[in-house]
Amino acid sequence: MKKLLVPALILAAQPALASTKNVLSAEFYSLHNTDFIVLLAFLLFIGVLVYLKVPGQIGGMLDKRATTIRSELDEARALREEAQSLLASYERKQKDVAQQAARIVSTAKEEAERAAAQAREDIAASVARRLVAAEEQLTAAQNAAIKEVRDRAVTVAIAAAQEVITKQMTAADGNKLIDDAIATIDAKLH
């Protein structure tokens, strides 16, 4: 360090020496020359700094600061790596959630399609049952109407026959019809 001190002092003093006309003149080394006084003060200041080991302290402070910066950089790197791992983890989770959501949506669509198909089948079966029931009711109504018409026709025919018979038949003809009916029943029963 002391080896560097002498050239540094010479370099530092050069502006003061260069301002005088004659460097080796006796006037320069006079206490009335302000340049010489400034040079002496500067050299004394540098000497005090060296004596108090200020350059070493500055170097130590710079080393300490460099160590602090290095540790902060290491901590920042560690935090960055942790942040990147967290980001990657969250991206994986996001992809998993997106895939799960897609599966849920596709499952819901499939279930909706199945439910719609089942509903169509149920409606078709219900319509078919109602058509069969309607046809049965229609057939029953037709049969009832036909029976009613026949019953009415029989009633009307009986009434008409009774009226015709009562007008045209005499007591002797009535007795003969009764005897014929008894004979027919007797032949069928025996």
C-alpha atoms as a PDB file:
ATOM      1  CA  MET A   1       0.000   0.000   0.000  1.00  0.00           C
ATOM      2  CA  LYS A   2       2.854   2.380   0.826  1.00  0.00           C
ATOM      3  CA  LYS A   3       4.373   1.655  -2.556  1.00  0.00           C
ATOM      4  CA  LEU A   4       1.274   3.051  -4.178  1.00  0.00           C
ATOM      5  CA  LEU A   5       1.194   6.069  -1.898  1.00  0.00           C
ATOM      6  CA  VAL A   6       4.271   7.862  -3.252  1.00  0.00           C
ATOM      7  CA  PRO A   7       3.226   7.735  -6.951  1.00  0.00           C
ATOM      8  CA  ALA A   8      -0.292   8.741  -5.946  1.00  0.00           C
ATOM      9  CA  LEU A   9       1.047  11.753  -4.086  1.00  0.00           C
ATOM     10  CA  ILE A  10       3.196  12.768  -7.030  1.00  0.00           C
ATOM     11  CA  LEU A  11       0.235  12.473  -9.378  1.00  0.00           C
ATOM     12  CA  ALA A  12      -1.958  14.413  -6.987  1.00  0.00           C
ATOM     13  CA  ALA A  13       0.605  17.190  -6.649  1.00  0.00           C
ATOM     14  CA  GLN A  14       1.231  17.624 -10.384  1.00  0.00           C
ATOM     15  CA  PRO A  15      -1.542  20.190 -10.948  1.00  0.00           C
ATOM     16  CA  ALA A  16      -0.087  22.368  -8.187  1.00  0.00           C
ATOM     17  CA  LEU A  17       3.438  22.011  -9.558  1.00  0.00           C
ATOM     18  CA  ALA A  18       2.351  22.657 -13.104  1.00  0.00           C
ATOM     19  CA  SER A  19       0.805  26.004 -12.213  1.00  0.00           C
ATOM     20  CA  THR A  20       4.154  27.547 -11.289  1.00  0.00           C
ATOM     21  CA  LYS A  21       6.547  28.868 -13.893  1.00  0.00           C
ATOM     22  CA  ASN A  22       9.642  27.285 -12.569  1.00  0.00           C
ATOM     23  CA  VAL A  23       9.178  24.163 -10.487  1.00  0.00           C
ATOM     24  CA  LEU A  24      12.653  24.215  -9.050  1.00  0.00           C
ATOM     25  CA  SER A  25      12.673  27.880  -8.180  1.00  0.00           C
ATOM     26  CA  ALA A  26      13.125  28.932  -4.593  1.00  0.00           C
ATOM     27  CA  GLU A  27       9.953  30.923  -4.636  1.00  0.00           C
ATOM     28  CA  PHE A  28       7.931  27.774  -4.913  1.00  0.00           C
ATOM     29  CA  TYR A  29       9.210  26.418  -1.603  1.00  0.00           C
ATOM     30  CA  SER A  30       8.335  29.605   0.205  1.00  0.00           C
ATOM     31  CA  LEU A  31       5.536  29.754   2.739  1.00  0.00           C
ATOM     32  CA  HIS A  32       4.232  32.784   0.885  1.00  0.00           C
ATOM     33  CA  ASN A  33       3.409  30.638  -2.132  1.00  0.00           C
ATOM     34  CA  THR A  34      -0.183  29.395  -1.815  1.00  0.00           C
ATOM     35  CA  ASP A  35       0.428  26.558  -4.229  1.00  0.00           C
ATOM     36  CA  PHE A  36       3.157  25.214  -1.970  1.00  0.00           C
ATOM     37  CA  ILE A  37       0.922  25.566   1.100  1.00  0.00           C
ATOM     38  CA  VAL A  38      -1.912  23.729  -0.664  1.00  0.00           C
ATOM     39  CA  LEU A  39       0.533  20.978  -1.667  1.00  0.00           C
ATOM     40  CA  LEU A  40       1.779  20.619   1.900  1.00  0.00           C
ATOM     41  CA  ALA A  41      -1.766  20.559   3.271  1.00  0.00           C
ATOM     42  CA  PHE A  42      -2.780  17.966   0.752  1.00  0.00           C
ATOM     43  CA  LEU A  43       0.221  15.763   1.530  1.00  0.00           C
ATOM     44  CA  LEU A  44      -0.430  16.156   5.244  1.00  0.00           C
ATOM     45  CA  PHE A  45      -4.077  15.224   4.720  1.00  0.00           C
ATOM     46  CA  ILE A  46      -3.096  12.116   2.749  1.00  0.00           C
ATOM     47  CA  GLY A  47      -0.551  11.219   5.438  1.00  0.00           C
ATOM     48  CA  VAL A  48      -3.157  11.535   8.197  1.00  0.00           C
ATOM     49  CA  LEU A  49      -5.517   9.339   6.193  1.00  0.00           C
ATOM     50  CA  VAL A  50      -2.813   6.703   5.785  1.00  0.00           C
ATOM     51  CA  TYR A  51      -1.787   6.959   9.458  1.00  0.00           C
ATOM     52  CA  LEU A  52      -5.393   6.476  10.589  1.00  0.00           C
ATOM     53  CA  LYS A  53      -5.693   3.532   8.197  1.00  0.00           C
ATOM     54  CA  VAL A  54      -8.674   5.094   6.429  1.00  0.00           C
ATOM     55  CA  PRO A  55      -7.940   3.315   3.115  1.00  0.00           C
ATOM     56  CA  GLY A  56      -8.057  -0.030   4.945  1.00  0.00           C
ATOM     57  CA  GLN A  57     -11.272   0.960   6.671  1.00  0.00           C
ATOM     58  CA  ILE A  58     -12.745   2.090   3.372  1.00  0.00           C
ATOM     59  CA  GLY A  59     -11.625  -1.178   1.817  1.00  0.00           C
ATOM     60  CA  GLY A  60     -13.176  -3.097   4.737  1.00  0.00           C
ATOM     61  CA  MET A  61     -16.385  -1.122   4.402  1.00  0.00           C
ATOM     62  CA  LEU A  62     -16.403  -1.778   0.662  1.00  0.00           C
ATOM     63  CA  ASP A  63     -15.757  -5.484   1.305  1.00  0.00           C
ATOM     64  CA  LYS A  64     -18.549  -5.526   3.893  1.00  0.00           C
ATOM     65  CA  ARG A  65     -20.838  -3.732   1.457  1.00  0.00           C
ATOM     66  CA  ALA A  66     -19.867  -6.188  -1.309  1.00  0.00           C
ATOM     67  CA  THR A  67     -20.632  -9.095   1.037  1.00  0.00           C
ATOM     68  CA  THR A  68     -23.986  -7.524   1.915  1.00  0.00           C
ATOM     69  CA  ILE A  69     -24.791  -6.986  -1.755  1.00  0.00           C
ATOM     70  CA  ARG A  70     -23.717 -10.552  -2.553  1.00  0.00           C
ATOM     71  CA  SER A  71     -25.955 -11.935   0.214  1.00  0.00           C
ATOM     72  CA  GLU A  72     -28.839  -9.753  -0.979  1.00  0.00           C
ATOM     73  CA  LEU A  73     -28.280 -11.021  -4.521  1.00  0.00           C
ATOM     74  CA  ASP A  74     -28.238 -14.612  -3.259  1.00  0.00           C
ATOM     75  CA  GLU A  75     -31.412 -13.965  -1.309  1.00  0.00           C
ATOM     76  CA  ALA A  76     -32.990 -12.336  -4.370  1.00  0.00           C
ATOM     77  CA  ARG A  77     -31.999 -15.358  -6.481  1.00  0.00           C
ATOM     78  CA  ALA A  78     -33.501 -17.705  -3.900  1.00  0.00           C
ATOM     79  CA  LEU A  79     -36.688 -15.627  -3.801  1.00  0.00           C
ATOM     80  CA  ARG A  80     -36.795 -15.568  -7.598  1.00  0.00           C
ATOM     81  CA  GLU A  81     -36.403 -19.356  -7.764  1.00  0.00           C
ATOM     82  CA  GLU A  82     -39.091 -19.770  -5.125  1.00  0.00           C
ATOM     83  CA  ALA A  83     -41.360 -17.396  -7.048  1.00  0.00           C
ATOM     84  CA  GLN A  84     -40.713 -19.316 -10.260  1.00  0.00           C
ATOM     85  CA  SER A  85     -41.506 -22.613  -8.553  1.00  0.00           C
ATOM     86  CA  LEU A  86     -44.682 -21.097  -7.079  1.00  0.00           C
ATOM     87  CA  LEU A  87     -45.606 -19.736 -10.505  1.00  0.00           C
ATOM     88  CA  ALA A  88     -45.019 -23.127 -12.105  1.00  0.00           C
ATOM     89  CA  SER A  89     -47.071 -24.763  -9.344  1.00  0.00           C
ATOM     90  CA  TYR A  90     -49.925 -22.321  -9.852  1.00  0.00           C
ATOM     91  CA  GLU A  91     -49.762 -22.766 -13.617  1.00  0.00           C
ATOM     92  CA  ARG A  92     -49.985 -26.551 -13.149  1.00  0.00           C
ATOM     93  CA  LYS A  93     -52.904 -26.079 -10.780  1.00  0.00           C
ATOM     94  CA  GLN A  94     -54.559 -23.737 -13.269  1.00  0.00           C
ATOM     95  CA  LYS A  95     -54.127 -26.296 -16.052  1.00  0.00           C
ATOM     96  CA  ASP A  96     -55.509 -29.023 -13.781  1.00  0.00           C
ATOM     97  CA  VAL A  97     -58.485 -26.859 -12.869  1.00  0.00           C
ATOM     98  CA  ALA A  98     -59.068 -25.980 -16.531  1.00  0.00           C
ATOM     99  CA  GLN A  99     -58.944 -29.665 -17.474  1.00  0.00           C
ATOM    100  CA  GLN A 100     -61.270 -30.550 -14.619  1.00  0.00           C
ATOM    101  CA  ALA A 101     -63.672 -27.795 -15.692  1.00  0.00           C
ATOM    102  CA  ALA A 102     -63.571 -29.106 -19.275  1.00  0.00           C
ATOM    103  CA  ARG A 103     -64.317 -32.616 -17.998  1.00  0.00           C
ATOM    104  CA  ILE A 104     -67.197 -31.304 -15.894  1.00  0.00           C
ATOM    105  CA  VAL A 105     -68.619 -29.404 -18.861  1.00  0.00           C
ATOM    106  CA  SER A 106     -68.308 -32.410 -21.179  1.00  0.00           C
ATOM    107  CA  THR A 107     -69.858 -34.697 -18.543  1.00  0.00           C
ATOM    108  CA  ALA A 108     -72.704 -32.231 -18.050  1.00  0.00           C
ATOM    109  CA  LYS A 109     -73.279 -32.065 -21.815  1.00  0.00           C
ATOM    110  CA  GLU A 110     -73.312 -35.872 -22.055  1.00  0.00           C
ATOM    111  CA  GLU A 111     -75.727 -36.129 -19.129  1.00  0.00           C
ATOM    112  CA  ALA A 112     -77.947 -33.446 -20.670  1.00  0.00           C
ATOM    113  CA  GLU A 113     -77.963 -35.322 -23.991  1.00  0.00           C
ATOM    114  CA  ARG A 114     -78.801 -38.582 -22.202  1.00  0.00           C
ATOM    115  CA  ALA A 115     -81.543 -36.861 -20.217  1.00  0.00           C
ATOM    116  CA  ALA A 116     -82.949 -35.315 -23.407  1.00  0.00           C
ATOM    117  CA  ALA A 117     -82.879 -38.703 -25.167  1.00  0.00           C
ATOM    118  CA  GLN A 118     -84.560 -40.336 -22.157  1.00  0.00           C
ATOM    119  CA  ALA A 119     -87.162 -37.559 -22.091  1.00  0.00           C
ATOM    120  CA  ARG A 120     -87.844 -38.078 -25.811  1.00  0.00           C
ATOM    121  CA  GLU A 121     -88.244 -41.826 -25.213  1.00  0.00           C
ATOM    122  CA  ASP A 122     -90.526 -41.197 -22.222  1.00  0.00           C
ATOM    123  CA  ILE A 123     -92.628 -38.748 -24.226  1.00  0.00           C
ATOM    124  CA  ALA A 124     -92.853 -41.187 -27.135  1.00  0.00           C
ATOM    125  CA  ALA A 125     -93.907 -44.000 -24.772  1.00  0.00           C
ATOM    126  CA  SER A 126     -96.443 -41.725 -23.073  1.00  0.00           C
ATOM    127  CA  VAL A 127     -97.874 -40.648 -26.428  1.00  0.00           C
ATOM    128  CA  ALA A 128     -98.061 -44.293 -27.543  1.00  0.00           C
ATOM    129  CA  ARG A 129     -99.866 -45.263 -24.299  1.00  0.00           C
ATOM    130  CA  ARG A 130    -102.274 -42.376 -24.696  1.00  0.00           C
ATOM    131  CA  LEU A 131    -102.920 -43.309 -28.327  1.00  0.00           C
ATOM    132  CA  VAL A 132    -103.643 -46.920 -27.296  1.00  0.00           C
ATOM    133  CA  ALA A 133    -105.900 -45.707 -24.484  1.00  0.00           C
ATOM    134  CA  ALA A 134    -107.659 -43.312 -26.868  1.00  0.00           C
ATOM    135  CA  GLU A 135    -108.119 -46.076 -29.433  1.00  0.00           C
ATOM    136  CA  GLU A 136    -109.506 -48.368 -26.707  1.00  0.00           C
ATOM    137  CA  GLN A 137    -111.864 -45.636 -25.559  1.00  0.00           C
ATOM    138  CA  LEU A 138    -112.882 -45.002 -29.148  1.00  0.00           C
ATOM    139  CA  THR A 139    -113.486 -48.712 -29.738  1.00  0.00           C
ATOM    140  CA  ALA A 140    -115.434 -48.960 -26.471  1.00  0.00           C
ATOM    141  CA  ALA A 141    -117.456 -45.885 -27.424  1.00  0.00           C
ATOM    142  CA  GLN A 142    -118.134 -47.338 -30.875  1.00  0.00           C
ATOM    143  CA  ASN A 143    -119.186 -50.665 -29.356  1.00  0.00           C
ATOM    144  CA  ALA A 144    -121.380 -48.878 -26.822  1.00  0.00           C
ATOM    145  CA  ALA A 145    -122.910 -46.750 -29.582  1.00  0.00           C
ATOM    146  CA  ILE A 146    -123.499 -49.839 -31.755  1.00  0.00           C
ATOM    147  CA  LYS A 147    -125.039 -51.685 -28.772  1.00  0.00           C
ATOM    148  CA  GLU A 148    -127.196 -48.689 -27.947  1.00  0.00           C
ATOM    149  CA  VAL A 149    -128.300 -48.402 -31.572  1.00  0.00           C
ATOM    150  CA  ARG A 150    -129.088 -52.154 -31.662  1.00  0.00           C
ATOM    151  CA  ASP A 151    -130.917 -51.986 -28.350  1.00  0.00           C
ATOM    152  CA  ARG A 152    -132.867 -49.012 -29.558  1.00  0.00           C
ATOM    153  CA  ALA A 153    -133.525 -50.755 -32.889  1.00  0.00           C
ATOM    154  CA  VAL A 154    -134.729 -53.859 -31.032  1.00  0.00           C
ATOM    155  CA  THR A 155    -136.895 -51.727 -28.757  1.00  0.00           C
ATOM    156  CA  VAL A 156    -138.308 -49.849 -31.729  1.00  0.00           C
ATOM    157  CA  ALA A 157    -138.794 -53.103 -33.659  1.00  0.00           C
ATOM    158  CA  ILE A 158    -140.526 -54.707 -30.688  1.00  0.00           C
ATOM    159  CA  ALA A 159    -142.695 -51.681 -30.204  1.00  0.00           C
ATOM    160  CA  ALA A 160    -143.486 -51.586 -33.926  1.00  0.00           C
ATOM    161  CA  ALA A 161    -144.156 -55.323 -34.015  1.00  0.00           C
ATOM    162  CA  GLN A 162    -146.337 -55.085 -30.931  1.00  0.00           C
ATOM    163  CA  GLU A 163    -148.284 -52.291 -32.474  1.00  0.00           C
ATOM    164  CA  VAL A 164    -148.662 -54.156 -35.761  1.00  0.00           C
ATOM    165  CA  ILE A 165    -149.574 -57.377 -33.997  1.00  0.00           C
ATOM    166  CA  THR A 166    -152.076 -55.694 -31.712  1.00  0.00           C
ATOM    167  CA  LYS A 167    -153.771 -54.102 -34.673  1.00  0.00           C
ATOM    168  CA  GLN A 168    -153.848 -57.169 -36.865  1.00  0.00           C
ATOM    169  CA  MET A 169    -154.101 -60.025 -34.440  1.00  0.00           C
ATOM    170  CA  THR A 170    -157.218 -61.467 -33.091  1.00  0.00           C
ATOM    171  CA  ALA A 171    -157.648 -63.522 -29.959  1.00  0.00           C
ATOM    172  CA  ALA A 172    -157.682 -66.785 -31.903  1.00  0.00           C
ATOM    173  CA  ASP A 173    -154.428 -65.882 -33.689  1.00  0.00           C
ATOM    174  CA  GLY A 174    -152.843 -64.994 -30.303  1.00  0.00           C
ATOM    175  CA  ASN A 175    -153.813 -68.361 -28.830  1.00  0.00           C
ATOM    176  CA  LYS A 176    -152.434 -70.161 -31.842  1.00  0.00           C
ATOM    177  CA  LEU A 177    -149.083 -68.277 -31.515  1.00  0.00           C
ATOM    178  CA  ILE A 178    -148.865 -69.155 -27.849  1.00  0.00           C
ATOM    179  CA  ASP A 179    -149.525 -72.820 -28.569  1.00  0.00           C
ATOM    180  CA  ASP A 180    -146.856 -72.837 -31.334  1.00  0.00           C
ATOM    181  CA  ALA A 181    -144.339 -71.225 -28.991  1.00  0.00           C
ATOM    182  CA  ILE A 182    -145.043 -73.803 -26.276  1.00  0.00           C
ATOM    183  CA  ALA A 183    -144.580 -76.595 -28.797  1.00  0.00           C
ATOM    184  CA  THR A 184    -141.291 -75.151 -30.037  1.00  0.00           C
ATOM    185  CA  ILE A 185    -139.986 -74.791 -26.485  1.00  0.00           C
ATOM    186  CA  ASP A 186    -141.161 -78.291 -25.626  1.00  0.00           C
ATOM    187  CA  ALA A 187    -139.361 -79.739 -28.690  1.00  0.00           C
ATOM    188  CA  LYS A 188    -136.158 -77.915 -27.843  1.00  0.00           C
ATOM    189  CA  LEU A 189    -136.167 -78.898 -24.200  1.00  0.00           C
ATOM    190  CA  HIS A 190    -136.805 -82.651 -24.787  1.00  0.00           C
END
